[in-house]
């Protein structure tokens, strides 16, 4: 059977933007970025509208890191906090992304709300969150998620699904009550120095507005598509 990628014209596949699916007829403008930091109010508004519009996993973001050998990698993770200080997510410190962040503590994150003709892109330095913040989030997680985090030697090979499930069962039997936070697990925060907003428009004449940190302040500008 001919592979799907050989049966379709990938070069001709495209979405027609500018249909008003984002619910806003006005063109995204740098003047929308106001406050201190100037990206926060519009980020909150777009995230809220993504939730209200029924976007699947609206807090999912594509996280990009670079390892010690200079090789980039991306994967989808869940944003678990937004503040003026930045964007927070949680993972294993010894995972591939944890090791990459130890070598190069800088990352990018993109929220791809394509169904709404919107994206937000963030870049900045990465720091571990305060242990108390990790504990507070850990305690809000379902027990099953806690047990899985304690089970997984994240990003390391394992011989089979059966071995993974057996390890999970052993961990579940070990903790009858509260499940403590693993020492190798916790939160990271991207402290943005660049935040870009993208709005799809017809004929690929998209709108892009960017806030760039400059010293103690920010520069706001329009970018060409």
Protein backbone atom coordinates (compact mmCIF):
# COMPACT_ATOMS: atom_id res chain seq x y z
CA UNK A 1 0.00 0.00 0.00
CA UNK A 2 1.34 3.43 -0.92
CA UNK A 3 2.26 5.46 2.18
CA UNK A 4 -0.15 8.29 2.90
CA UNK A 5 2.58 10.90 2.55
CA UNK A 6 3.11 9.74 -1.03
CA UNK A 7 -0.62 9.79 -1.85
CA UNK A 8 -1.23 13.42 -0.93
CA UNK A 9 0.26 16.67 -2.13
CA UNK A 10 1.84 17.83 1.12
CA UNK A 11 3.13 20.95 -0.58
CA UNK A 12 -0.47 21.95 -1.33
CA UNK A 13 -1.89 21.28 2.13
CA UNK A 14 -2.71 24.52 3.90
CA UNK A 15 -5.27 26.08 6.20
CA UNK A 16 -7.06 29.22 5.08
CA UNK A 17 -6.56 31.68 7.92
CA UNK A 18 -8.35 34.97 8.41
CA UNK A 19 -11.81 33.38 8.69
CA UNK A 20 -12.58 35.07 11.99
CA UNK A 21 -12.34 31.83 13.97
CA UNK A 22 -10.41 33.69 16.67
CA UNK A 23 -13.55 35.72 17.28
CA UNK A 24 -11.73 39.01 16.75
CA UNK A 25 -12.12 40.95 13.53
CA UNK A 26 -9.47 43.52 14.49
CA UNK A 27 -5.86 42.95 13.54
CA UNK A 28 -3.51 42.10 16.39
CA UNK A 29 -1.52 45.23 17.16
CA UNK A 30 1.44 45.96 19.46
CA UNK A 31 -0.82 48.41 21.30
CA UNK A 32 -2.57 45.37 22.76
CA UNK A 33 0.55 44.63 24.81
CA UNK A 34 0.18 46.84 27.87
CA UNK A 35 1.08 46.70 31.54
CA UNK A 36 4.11 45.42 33.39
CA UNK A 37 5.04 42.96 32.04
CA UNK A 38 3.28 43.94 28.80
CA UNK A 39 2.65 40.33 27.68
CA UNK A 40 0.70 39.19 30.75
CA UNK A 41 -2.79 40.63 30.22
CA UNK A 42 -3.08 39.45 26.60
CA UNK A 43 -1.63 36.04 27.50
CA UNK A 44 -4.28 35.63 30.21
CA UNK A 45 -7.05 36.76 27.85
CA UNK A 46 -6.04 34.39 25.06
CA UNK A 47 -5.59 31.45 27.44
CA UNK A 48 -9.02 32.10 28.95
CA UNK A 49 -10.60 32.25 25.50
CA UNK A 50 -8.86 29.02 24.50
CA UNK A 51 -10.37 27.32 27.55
CA UNK A 52 -13.84 28.76 26.87
CA UNK A 53 -13.63 27.71 23.20
CA UNK A 54 -13.07 24.07 24.11
CA UNK A 55 -9.50 23.82 22.80
CA UNK A 56 -8.17 20.37 23.74
CA UNK A 57 -5.42 20.71 26.37
CA UNK A 58 -5.36 24.54 26.17
CA UNK A 59 -2.40 24.63 28.57
CA UNK A 60 -0.32 22.30 26.37
CA UNK A 61 2.87 23.89 25.08
CA UNK A 62 5.69 22.70 22.84
CA UNK A 63 8.84 23.00 24.94
CA UNK A 64 12.19 23.38 23.22
CA UNK A 65 15.55 22.75 24.91
CA UNK A 66 19.17 22.32 23.80
CA UNK A 67 21.39 19.65 25.35
CA UNK A 68 25.06 19.77 26.30
CA UNK A 69 26.04 18.79 22.74
CA UNK A 70 24.05 21.66 21.25
CA UNK A 71 21.30 19.41 19.91
CA UNK A 72 17.75 20.77 20.16
CA UNK A 73 14.69 18.76 21.12
CA UNK A 74 11.01 19.59 21.43
CA UNK A 75 8.16 17.87 23.21
CA UNK A 76 4.71 18.78 24.48
CA UNK A 77 4.31 19.48 28.20
CA UNK A 78 1.58 21.10 30.27
CA UNK A 79 1.90 24.63 31.58
CA UNK A 80 0.92 24.52 35.25
CA UNK A 81 1.29 28.16 36.22
CA UNK A 82 1.48 31.67 34.78
CA UNK A 83 2.63 34.72 36.70
CA UNK A 84 4.41 37.99 36.02
CA UNK A 85 7.61 36.03 36.68
CA UNK A 86 6.95 33.51 33.90
CA UNK A 87 5.61 30.14 32.78
CA UNK A 88 5.81 27.09 35.07
CA UNK A 89 5.89 23.37 34.26
CA UNK A 90 6.89 20.22 36.18
CA UNK A 91 8.99 17.22 35.20
CA UNK A 92 11.75 14.87 36.30
CA UNK A 93 15.08 16.57 36.89
CA UNK A 94 16.85 13.54 35.38
CA UNK A 95 14.66 13.39 32.28
CA UNK A 96 16.02 14.34 28.88
CA UNK A 97 14.66 17.86 29.25
CA UNK A 98 15.90 18.11 32.83
CA UNK A 99 19.41 17.17 31.79
CA UNK A 100 19.27 19.59 28.87
CA UNK A 101 18.15 22.40 31.17
CA UNK A 102 20.99 21.60 33.57
CA UNK A 103 23.43 22.07 30.69
CA UNK A 104 21.67 25.01 29.02
CA UNK A 105 19.14 26.71 31.31
CA UNK A 106 17.24 28.43 28.50
CA UNK A 107 14.08 27.26 26.75
CA UNK A 108 11.30 28.14 24.36
CA UNK A 109 7.62 27.29 24.65
CA UNK A 110 4.85 27.62 22.08
CA UNK A 111 1.11 27.43 22.75
CA UNK A 112 -0.34 26.29 19.37
CA UNK A 113 -4.01 27.27 19.42
CA UNK A 114 -4.34 26.66 15.68
CA UNK A 115 -8.11 26.14 15.79
CA UNK A 116 -8.38 29.72 17.04
CA UNK A 117 -5.82 31.04 14.55
CA UNK A 118 -3.51 32.00 17.41
CA UNK A 119 -0.15 31.10 18.87
CA UNK A 120 1.94 32.45 21.73
CA UNK A 121 5.69 31.88 21.79
CA UNK A 122 7.88 32.41 24.85
CA UNK A 123 11.68 32.31 25.22
CA UNK A 124 13.76 32.88 28.31
CA UNK A 125 16.05 31.64 31.04
CA UNK A 126 14.86 28.70 33.12
CA UNK A 127 15.11 28.30 36.90
CA UNK A 128 13.85 25.64 39.29
CA UNK A 129 10.86 26.82 41.32
CA UNK A 130 10.96 27.03 45.09
CA UNK A 131 10.53 23.58 46.72
CA UNK A 132 7.38 24.81 48.48
CA UNK A 133 5.81 25.54 45.08
CA UNK A 134 6.67 22.02 43.93
CA UNK A 135 5.11 20.51 47.05
CA UNK A 136 1.93 22.58 46.66
CA UNK A 137 1.48 21.45 43.06
CA UNK A 138 2.39 17.83 43.89
CA UNK A 139 -0.30 17.72 46.57
CA UNK A 140 -2.89 18.87 44.01
CA UNK A 141 -2.13 15.97 41.66
CA UNK A 142 -4.26 12.79 41.50
CA UNK A 143 -2.75 9.87 43.40
CA UNK A 144 -2.28 7.93 40.18
CA UNK A 145 -0.18 10.72 38.69
CA UNK A 146 1.92 10.87 41.86
CA UNK A 147 2.56 7.12 41.76
CA UNK A 148 3.52 7.26 38.08
CA UNK A 149 6.02 10.03 38.76
CA UNK A 150 7.61 7.95 41.53
CA UNK A 151 7.63 4.87 39.29
CA UNK A 152 9.16 6.35 36.18
CA UNK A 153 12.89 6.68 35.66
CA UNK A 154 11.90 9.25 33.10
CA UNK A 155 13.42 9.06 29.61
CA UNK A 156 15.37 5.87 30.45
CA UNK A 157 14.82 2.63 28.48
CA UNK A 158 12.73 -0.21 29.92
CA UNK A 159 12.37 -3.70 28.51
CA UNK A 160 8.57 -3.88 28.24
CA UNK A 161 5.18 -2.43 29.12
CA UNK A 162 4.74 -5.33 31.54
CA UNK A 163 7.89 -4.31 33.41
CA UNK A 164 6.63 -0.74 33.66
CA UNK A 165 3.24 -1.84 35.01
CA UNK A 166 4.91 -4.20 37.49
CA UNK A 167 7.07 -1.34 38.78
CA UNK A 168 3.96 0.85 39.12
CA UNK A 169 2.19 -1.86 41.10
CA UNK A 170 5.18 -2.22 43.44
CA UNK A 171 5.24 1.54 44.08
CA UNK A 172 1.49 1.62 44.68
CA UNK A 173 1.82 -1.18 47.27
CA UNK A 174 4.65 0.65 49.01
CA UNK A 175 2.66 3.84 49.62
CA UNK A 176 -0.65 3.13 51.32
CA UNK A 177 -1.30 6.75 52.28
CA UNK A 178 0.37 9.99 51.20
CA UNK A 179 2.84 9.79 48.33
CA UNK A 180 5.91 11.97 48.96
CA UNK A 181 7.47 14.15 46.27
CA UNK A 182 10.38 12.32 44.60
CA UNK A 183 13.74 14.02 45.07
CA UNK A 184 14.28 13.86 41.31
CA UNK A 185 11.07 15.70 40.39
CA UNK A 186 9.97 19.32 40.51
CA UNK A 187 9.05 22.54 38.79
CA UNK A 188 10.78 24.85 36.36
CA UNK A 189 9.89 28.39 35.42
CA UNK A 190 10.68 30.04 32.09
CA UNK A 191 11.44 33.68 32.87
CA UNK A 192 10.60 35.34 29.56
CA UNK A 193 12.81 37.78 27.76
CA UNK A 194 10.77 37.37 24.55
CA UNK A 195 7.00 36.82 24.26
CA UNK A 196 5.44 36.79 20.79
CA UNK A 197 1.76 36.72 19.84
CA UNK A 198 0.69 35.38 16.43
CA UNK A 199 -2.68 35.84 14.74
CA UNK A 200 -3.47 34.07 11.48
CA UNK A 201 -4.63 36.17 8.56
CA UNK A 202 -5.55 35.60 4.91
CA UNK A 203 -2.90 34.99 2.27
CA UNK A 204 -0.30 34.29 4.97
CA UNK A 205 -0.16 38.02 5.81
CA UNK A 206 -0.27 37.10 9.49
CA UNK A 207 0.00 39.47 12.44
CA UNK A 208 2.89 39.16 14.88
CA UNK A 209 3.49 41.35 17.92
CA UNK A 210 6.43 40.87 20.25
CA UNK A 211 7.53 42.06 23.68
CA UNK A 212 11.30 41.95 24.26
CA UNK A 213 12.91 42.53 27.64
CA UNK A 214 15.44 45.37 27.69
CA UNK A 215 17.13 45.87 31.05
CA UNK A 216 14.38 46.68 33.56
CA UNK A 217 11.84 47.40 30.83
CA UNK A 218 10.32 46.01 27.66
CA UNK A 219 10.27 46.94 23.97
CA UNK A 220 7.06 46.20 22.09
CA UNK A 221 7.09 45.88 18.30
CA UNK A 222 5.30 44.51 15.27
CA UNK A 223 7.05 41.78 13.25
CA UNK A 224 6.61 40.98 9.60
CA UNK A 225 5.01 37.59 8.97
